[in-house]
Amino acid sequence: MTAPVTIPIPEFPRNKTTAGPVSTTLTVPPPSRLTTPATDPDKIPVLASSTALEFVAEGAANILFRCTPPPTSTPSLLRLRKTLPSSQPNLDAFRYLSTTAFPLFPPHLLVATSLIQLPPGLVTRTNGMIRDMEAQGTRLAKREGLMLEEQEEYGLLVADMSPRGPHEVLIEFKPKWAVQSPSAPAGWKRCRTCALRSMKAAHKGKPTPDGFCPLDLSSGEASRIRRAVEKIIPQSPPSAWKRDENHWPADRIKLVDVVTDFLHGSELIPVIAALQKRLDPDGPLGSTMKKEFLDAMTVRDLTIFLRVSAETGEIECGVGDLDLKTGEGGKRHYWRETERKLVEEGWYMKDGEGRGGCGGP
């Protein structure tokens, strides 16, 4: 099968940091990492009808699969979308990625993504596999019932960031609102993400769960970044961890050092924060929620993937999940109402101490 067509893009300089006990290197992929915006069906490769899919991971809107035989020469995963009111056809999603979302970022920060046509019947067969998972109790209960969109004709091939060796681990997280909401009241004490976390817990009658503060990540201060990283890297070894779990406590310390040094020296978080500030200067309560606001919401919901070696300190970074936000399916109303409650119920003004605390101003 023909590999996805690529277009040349300029090489960006390598991003290296050497502070801390373990040196950290950002691996910069070659210029072919950003795929072509061409969406002519005659130029889009077709996935072989004999392709077998293996479940890898599932999010709220998409499911990732590993393909056999592989459709590309480099490791990749097939991303298929679920049936959701706010979900867009993958052809439209890829047009948005190519023309709007990708150009916002330095190309070397992006997870490689390309478009591929799906053979007839593939999604229907895959939904059968998912139903079998539900019957066997191997699908998360909170995901049950929501299936893949069977009218979808395309999938997205994304670079496979899975660990490749026993010392590697994939760390993924959403930085969410890396700058404070412009709708927050003067004198606020909690950032938007921490305020929302507390409000949701309180409305369910539960204590506020622990979580990192995005303002720590974007502070530029090593100590605050470390505080966030300590909460991002799990206390227990992830399921894909290949080494004996007795090694995890020591390896985790190394990972915290490595990731803190990387985020402190990388342009990654500053780029995200600057984009959010530029694209949405007015906030959900002041914005007309046109194109730039919707782009800001895309940036606020992206995922950062870090493939990290606890042995060498090397990090490969990729920004993904830059999904098109249309505001449809009641999303505009939801965003306004959520912000209104945060302001009117005083969640921005509550003390940020404790487990549900906030990095603050």
Protein backbone atom coordinates (compact mmCIF):
# COMPACT_ATOMS: atom_id res chain seq x y z
CA MET A 1 0.00 0.00 0.00
CA THR A 2 1.16 3.51 -0.77
CA ALA A 3 2.46 5.34 2.27
CA PRO A 4 0.79 8.64 3.23
CA VAL A 5 2.08 11.53 1.13
CA THR A 6 4.14 14.10 3.01
CA ILE A 7 5.17 17.65 2.35
CA PRO A 8 8.52 19.17 3.29
CA ILE A 9 8.54 21.46 6.28
CA PRO A 10 11.43 23.41 7.80
CA GLU A 11 13.64 21.68 10.36
CA PHE A 12 13.37 23.22 13.81
CA PRO A 13 16.38 23.28 16.13
CA ARG A 14 16.73 20.54 18.70
CA ASN A 15 15.43 21.40 22.13
CA LYS A 16 17.83 20.19 24.83
CA THR A 17 18.04 20.71 28.55
CA THR A 18 20.85 19.42 30.71
CA ALA A 19 19.92 20.79 34.13
CA GLY A 20 19.22 18.37 36.97
CA PRO A 21 20.61 14.95 37.82
CA VAL A 22 19.63 13.38 34.50
CA SER A 23 20.22 14.99 31.12
CA THR A 24 17.12 15.37 28.96
CA THR A 25 16.98 15.45 25.18
CA LEU A 26 13.96 16.20 23.04
CA THR A 27 14.05 13.97 19.99
CA VAL A 28 13.14 16.08 16.97
CA PRO A 29 11.57 13.98 14.20
CA PRO A 30 12.42 14.58 10.54
CA PRO A 31 10.48 17.09 8.45
CA SER A 32 8.09 14.43 7.11
CA ARG A 33 6.33 14.37 10.48
CA LEU A 34 3.63 16.81 9.39
CA THR A 35 1.40 15.20 6.79
CA THR A 36 -0.13 16.72 3.70
CA PRO A 37 -3.41 18.63 3.89
CA ALA A 38 -4.52 16.96 0.63
CA THR A 39 -7.96 15.35 1.10
CA ASP A 40 -8.65 14.22 -2.48
CA PRO A 41 -10.02 10.66 -2.06
CA ASP A 42 -7.96 9.53 -5.08
CA LYS A 43 -4.77 10.48 -3.22
CA ILE A 44 -5.62 9.04 0.19
CA PRO A 45 -4.31 5.50 0.78
CA VAL A 46 -6.79 2.73 1.52
CA LEU A 47 -6.44 0.38 4.47
CA ALA A 48 -6.21 -3.24 3.30
CA SER A 49 -9.50 -5.11 3.70
CA SER A 50 -7.61 -7.99 5.36
CA THR A 51 -6.32 -5.72 8.16
CA ALA A 52 -6.85 -7.10 11.66
CA LEU A 53 -7.38 -4.59 14.47
CA GLU A 54 -6.18 -4.95 18.06
CA PHE A 55 -7.67 -2.73 20.76
CA VAL A 56 -5.05 -0.43 22.34
CA ALA A 57 -6.79 2.37 24.24
CA GLU A 58 -10.06 4.27 24.45
CA GLY A 59 -10.95 7.87 25.16
CA ALA A 60 -14.26 9.66 25.45
CA ALA A 61 -14.60 10.28 21.70
CA ASN A 62 -12.20 7.87 19.95
CA ILE A 63 -10.69 4.37 20.14
CA LEU A 64 -7.13 3.45 19.13
CA PHE A 65 -6.23 0.20 17.42
CA ARG A 66 -3.02 -1.47 16.27
CA CYS A 67 -3.16 -2.75 12.69
CA THR A 68 -1.84 -6.06 11.35
CA PRO A 69 -0.26 -5.87 8.85
CA PRO A 70 1.02 -2.34 9.59
CA PRO A 71 -0.26 0.21 7.06
CA THR A 72 2.89 2.35 7.23
CA SER A 73 6.63 1.79 7.48
CA THR A 74 6.75 3.62 10.82
CA PRO A 75 4.79 2.46 13.90
CA SER A 76 1.30 3.95 13.89
CA LEU A 77 -2.13 3.44 15.43
CA LEU A 78 -5.54 3.72 13.79
CA ARG A 79 -7.89 6.17 15.48
CA LEU A 80 -11.62 5.64 14.89
CA ARG A 81 -14.33 7.98 16.15
CA LYS A 82 -17.39 7.15 18.17
CA THR A 83 -20.97 8.20 17.45
CA LEU A 84 -21.35 11.51 19.29
CA PRO A 85 -23.50 14.60 18.54
CA SER A 86 -20.45 16.86 18.62
CA SER A 87 -18.21 14.51 16.63
CA GLN A 88 -17.12 15.52 13.12
CA PRO A 89 -16.39 13.21 10.15
CA ASN A 90 -12.68 12.38 10.05
CA LEU A 91 -12.29 13.98 6.62
CA ASP A 92 -13.43 17.30 8.09
CA ALA A 93 -11.34 16.70 11.21
CA PHE A 94 -8.22 16.15 9.13
CA ARG A 95 -8.88 19.25 7.03
CA TYR A 96 -9.06 21.20 10.28
CA LEU A 97 -5.83 19.65 11.55
CA SER A 98 -3.98 20.40 8.34
CA THR A 99 -5.20 23.94 7.73
CA THR A 100 -5.77 25.30 11.25
CA ALA A 101 -4.54 23.26 14.22
CA PHE A 102 -1.17 22.00 12.94
CA PRO A 103 0.01 25.43 11.73
CA LEU A 104 -0.43 26.81 15.26
CA PHE A 105 2.50 24.71 16.51
CA PRO A 106 6.16 24.18 15.62
CA PRO A 107 5.99 21.00 13.53
CA HIS A 108 8.43 19.05 15.72
CA LEU A 109 5.99 19.25 18.65
CA LEU A 110 3.20 17.42 16.80
CA VAL A 111 2.22 13.77 16.80
CA ALA A 112 2.44 12.57 13.19
CA THR A 113 -1.05 12.22 11.75
CA SER A 114 -2.36 11.17 8.35
CA LEU A 115 -5.68 10.23 6.78
CA ILE A 116 -6.55 6.75 5.51
CA GLN A 117 -9.65 5.34 3.81
CA LEU A 118 -11.42 2.49 5.57
CA PRO A 119 -12.48 -0.67 3.70
CA PRO A 120 -16.23 -1.43 3.65
CA GLY A 121 -17.47 -3.28 6.70
CA LEU A 122 -14.40 -2.66 8.86
CA VAL A 123 -16.13 -0.43 11.42
CA THR A 124 -19.15 -2.75 11.63
CA ARG A 125 -16.88 -5.74 12.34
CA THR A 126 -14.93 -3.73 14.87
CA ASN A 127 -18.14 -2.78 16.71
CA GLY A 128 -18.82 -6.49 16.97
CA MET A 129 -15.43 -6.92 18.63
CA ILE A 130 -16.23 -4.09 21.06
CA ARG A 131 -19.55 -5.71 21.97
CA ASP A 132 -17.66 -8.92 22.67
CA MET A 133 -15.37 -6.96 25.00
CA GLU A 134 -18.41 -5.64 26.85
CA ALA A 135 -19.85 -9.14 27.18
CA GLN A 136 -16.52 -10.36 28.58
CA GLY A 137 -16.24 -7.41 30.97
CA THR A 138 -12.99 -6.15 29.43
CA ARG A 139 -14.32 -2.74 28.35
CA LEU A 140 -14.47 0.02 30.94
CA ALA A 141 -17.98 0.22 32.35
CA LYS A 142 -18.16 3.99 31.82
CA ARG A 143 -17.48 3.48 28.07
CA GLU A 144 -20.10 0.79 27.50
CA GLY A 145 -22.89 1.37 25.01
CA LEU A 146 -21.15 4.04 22.91
CA MET A 147 -19.99 2.48 19.67
CA LEU A 148 -17.95 3.52 16.64
CA GLU A 149 -19.62 5.55 13.88
CA GLU A 150 -20.39 3.00 11.16
CA GLN A 151 -21.01 5.64 8.48
CA GLU A 152 -17.43 6.91 8.82
CA GLU A 153 -15.33 6.34 5.68
CA TYR A 154 -11.95 7.46 7.02
CA GLY A 155 -9.65 6.91 9.95
CA LEU A 156 -6.66 8.79 11.29
CA LEU A 157 -3.25 7.17 11.50
CA VAL A 158 -1.31 8.60 14.44
CA ALA A 159 2.27 7.92 15.47
CA ASP A 160 2.50 5.10 17.99
CA MET A 161 4.04 6.55 21.16
CA SER A 162 3.91 3.26 23.06
CA PRO A 163 6.97 2.31 25.15
CA ARG A 164 9.54 0.36 23.11
CA GLY A 165 11.68 -1.07 25.90
CA PRO A 166 11.64 -2.03 29.58
CA HIS A 167 12.91 1.36 30.75
CA GLU A 168 10.44 3.45 28.75
CA VAL A 169 7.08 4.76 29.87
CA LEU A 170 4.39 6.78 28.12
CA ILE A 171 3.20 9.76 30.14
CA GLU A 172 0.15 11.53 28.79
CA PHE A 173 -1.81 14.42 30.23
CA LYS A 174 -4.00 17.35 29.24
CA PRO A 175 -2.57 20.72 30.30
CA LYS A 176 -6.09 22.17 30.05
CA TRP A 177 -6.29 25.92 30.82
CA ALA A 178 -2.60 26.86 30.96
CA VAL A 179 -3.57 30.50 31.52
CA GLN A 180 -6.40 31.75 33.70
CA SER A 181 -9.83 32.23 32.16
CA PRO A 182 -10.34 35.86 31.13
CA SER A 183 -13.83 35.54 32.66
CA ALA A 184 -12.42 34.91 36.14
CA PRO A 185 -13.21 37.68 38.65
CA ALA A 186 -10.57 40.09 39.89
CA GLY A 187 -8.70 38.77 42.90
CA TRP A 188 -9.31 35.13 41.98
CA LYS A 189 -7.65 32.47 44.13
CA ARG A 190 -8.13 29.38 41.98
CA CYS A 191 -7.36 28.81 38.33
CA ARG A 192 -10.09 27.68 35.98
CA THR A 193 -9.09 23.99 35.97
CA CYS A 194 -8.76 23.69 39.76
CA ALA A 195 -11.99 25.64 40.31
CA LEU A 196 -13.87 23.33 37.95
CA ARG A 197 -12.40 20.23 39.60
CA SER A 198 -13.66 21.42 42.99
CA MET A 199 -17.09 22.43 41.69
CA LYS A 200 -17.71 19.09 39.97
CA ALA A 201 -16.74 17.17 43.10
CA ALA A 202 -18.91 19.32 45.36
CA HIS A 203 -21.94 18.95 43.08
CA LYS A 204 -21.53 15.17 43.38
CA GLY A 205 -21.15 15.37 47.16
CA LYS A 206 -17.55 14.13 46.99
CA PRO A 207 -14.23 15.56 48.22
CA THR A 208 -12.10 17.33 45.66
CA PRO A 209 -9.75 14.83 43.99
CA ASP A 210 -6.06 15.53 43.87
CA GLY A 211 -4.73 16.90 40.60
CA PHE A 212 -2.05 19.12 39.15
CA CYS A 213 -2.54 22.82 38.58
CA PRO A 214 -1.95 23.95 34.96
CA LEU A 215 -0.65 27.28 36.25
CA ASP A 216 2.18 25.40 37.95
CA LEU A 217 3.10 23.90 34.57
CA SER A 218 3.08 27.29 32.83
CA SER A 219 4.75 29.22 35.67
CA GLY A 220 8.30 28.87 34.33
CA GLU A 221 9.42 28.04 37.88
CA ALA A 222 11.18 24.70 38.33
CA SER A 223 9.75 24.08 41.81
CA ARG A 224 6.17 24.64 40.68
CA ILE A 225 6.62 22.56 37.54
CA ARG A 226 7.97 19.74 39.71
CA ARG A 227 4.90 20.00 41.95
CA ALA A 228 2.70 19.45 38.88
CA VAL A 229 4.86 16.62 37.53
CA GLU A 230 4.70 14.83 40.89
CA LYS A 231 0.93 14.65 40.40
CA ILE A 232 1.07 13.74 36.71
CA ILE A 233 3.37 10.72 37.06
CA PRO A 234 1.43 7.93 38.81
CA GLN A 235 2.49 6.55 42.16
CA SER A 236 2.03 2.99 40.89
CA PRO A 237 3.69 1.64 37.73
CA PRO A 238 1.50 1.92 34.61
CA SER A 239 0.09 -1.25 33.08
CA ALA A 240 2.61 -1.15 30.21
CA TRP A 241 5.60 -0.99 32.58
CA LYS A 242 7.88 -3.93 31.69
CA ARG A 243 10.29 -3.90 34.62
CA ASP A 244 9.68 -5.46 38.02
CA GLU A 245 7.38 -3.12 39.93
CA ASN A 246 9.92 -3.06 42.76
CA HIS A 247 12.03 -0.84 40.48
CA TRP A 248 9.22 1.68 40.09
CA PRO A 249 9.84 3.91 43.16
CA ALA A 250 13.46 4.62 42.15
CA ASP A 251 12.59 4.89 38.46
CA ARG A 252 9.72 7.23 39.28
CA ILE A 253 12.12 9.62 41.03
CA LYS A 254 14.25 9.67 37.87
CA LEU A 255 11.19 10.24 35.70
CA VAL A 256 10.06 13.18 37.84
CA ASP A 257 13.54 14.72 37.49
CA VAL A 258 13.67 14.13 33.74
CA VAL A 259 10.17 15.40 32.96
CA THR A 260 10.56 18.44 35.22
CA ASP A 261 13.83 19.39 33.50
CA PHE A 262 12.27 18.88 30.09
CA LEU A 263 9.15 20.97 30.75
CA HIS A 264 11.24 23.70 32.39
CA GLY A 265 13.53 23.98 29.37
CA SER A 266 11.13 23.23 26.52
CA GLU A 267 9.04 25.67 24.50
CA LEU A 268 6.10 23.25 24.74
CA ILE A 269 4.05 24.72 27.60
CA PRO A 270 4.88 28.38 26.76
CA VAL A 271 3.62 27.79 23.20
CA ILE A 272 0.36 26.33 24.51
CA ALA A 273 -0.14 29.13 27.05
CA ALA A 274 0.57 31.85 24.45
CA LEU A 275 -1.91 30.31 22.02
CA GLN A 276 -4.67 30.16 24.63
CA LYS A 277 -4.09 33.78 25.59
CA ARG A 278 -4.06 35.00 21.98
CA LEU A 279 -7.00 32.98 20.70
CA ASP A 280 -9.37 33.79 23.57
CA PRO A 281 -8.77 37.22 25.13
CA ASP A 282 -12.38 37.53 26.37
CA GLY A 283 -13.27 34.20 28.02
CA PRO A 284 -16.47 32.14 27.75
CA LEU A 285 -18.65 34.87 29.23
CA GLY A 286 -17.29 37.69 27.06
CA SER A 287 -16.62 35.88 23.80
CA THR A 288 -18.94 35.61 20.82
CA MET A 289 -17.56 32.05 20.52
CA LYS A 290 -16.52 32.39 16.92
CA LYS A 291 -13.64 30.63 15.18
CA GLU A 292 -10.72 31.79 17.35
CA PHE A 293 -12.54 30.94 20.57
CA LEU A 294 -13.28 27.46 19.22
CA ASP A 295 -9.60 27.08 18.30
CA ALA A 296 -8.71 28.09 21.86
CA MET A 297 -11.01 25.35 23.18
CA THR A 298 -9.19 22.88 20.92
CA VAL A 299 -5.86 23.92 22.44
CA ARG A 300 -7.36 23.65 25.94
CA ASP A 301 -8.33 20.03 25.28
CA LEU A 302 -5.17 18.74 23.57
CA THR A 303 -3.09 15.90 24.99
CA ILE A 304 0.66 15.91 25.57
CA PHE A 305 2.39 12.57 25.01
CA LEU A 306 5.84 12.05 26.51
CA ARG A 307 7.70 8.82 25.82
CA VAL A 308 10.38 8.84 28.48
CA SER A 309 13.35 6.58 29.21
CA ALA A 310 14.16 6.29 32.89
CA GLU A 311 17.53 4.82 31.86
CA THR A 312 18.86 7.45 29.41
CA GLY A 313 16.69 10.47 30.18
CA GLU A 314 15.59 10.77 26.55
CA ILE A 315 12.14 12.18 25.87
CA GLU A 316 10.09 12.11 22.69
CA CYS A 317 7.28 14.63 22.85
CA GLY A 318 4.12 14.88 20.79
CA VAL A 319 1.03 17.08 20.92
CA GLY A 320 -2.14 15.25 19.88
CA ASP A 321 -5.92 15.21 20.18
CA LEU A 322 -6.22 18.58 18.44
CA ASP A 323 -9.86 17.85 17.71
CA LEU A 324 -12.13 20.31 15.94
CA LYS A 325 -14.51 22.09 18.32
CA THR A 326 -17.64 23.33 16.55
CA GLY A 327 -19.68 24.43 19.55
CA GLU A 328 -22.49 22.17 18.29
CA GLY A 329 -24.34 19.54 20.28
CA GLY A 330 -24.99 22.02 23.10
CA LYS A 331 -21.29 22.73 23.68
CA ARG A 332 -21.57 26.54 23.50
CA HIS A 333 -24.33 26.51 26.10
CA TYR A 334 -22.33 24.11 28.27
CA TRP A 335 -19.21 26.28 28.17
CA ARG A 336 -21.12 29.45 29.09
CA GLU A 337 -23.15 27.78 31.83
CA THR A 338 -20.08 26.14 33.35
CA GLU A 339 -18.26 29.48 33.48
CA ARG A 340 -21.30 31.25 34.87
CA LYS A 341 -21.56 28.73 37.72
CA LEU A 342 -17.84 29.00 38.49
CA VAL A 343 -18.19 32.78 38.82
CA GLU A 344 -21.60 33.06 40.51
CA GLU A 345 -21.04 30.19 42.96
CA GLY A 346 -17.68 31.65 43.97
CA TRP A 347 -15.44 28.75 42.94
CA TYR A 348 -12.74 31.07 41.63
CA MET A 349 -12.60 32.80 45.01
CA LYS A 350 -12.35 29.79 47.31
CA ASP A 351 -9.12 29.11 49.17
CA GLY A 352 -6.81 26.97 47.09
CA GLU A 353 -5.12 25.08 49.92
CA GLY A 354 -5.25 21.31 50.35
CA ARG A 355 -5.63 18.36 48.02
CA GLY A 356 -7.73 20.34 45.57
CA GLY A 357 -5.34 23.25 45.76
CA CYS A 358 -4.18 25.57 43.07
CA GLY A 359 -0.87 27.10 42.06
CA GLY A 360 -2.64 30.43 42.13
CA PRO A 361 -1.52 33.77 40.70
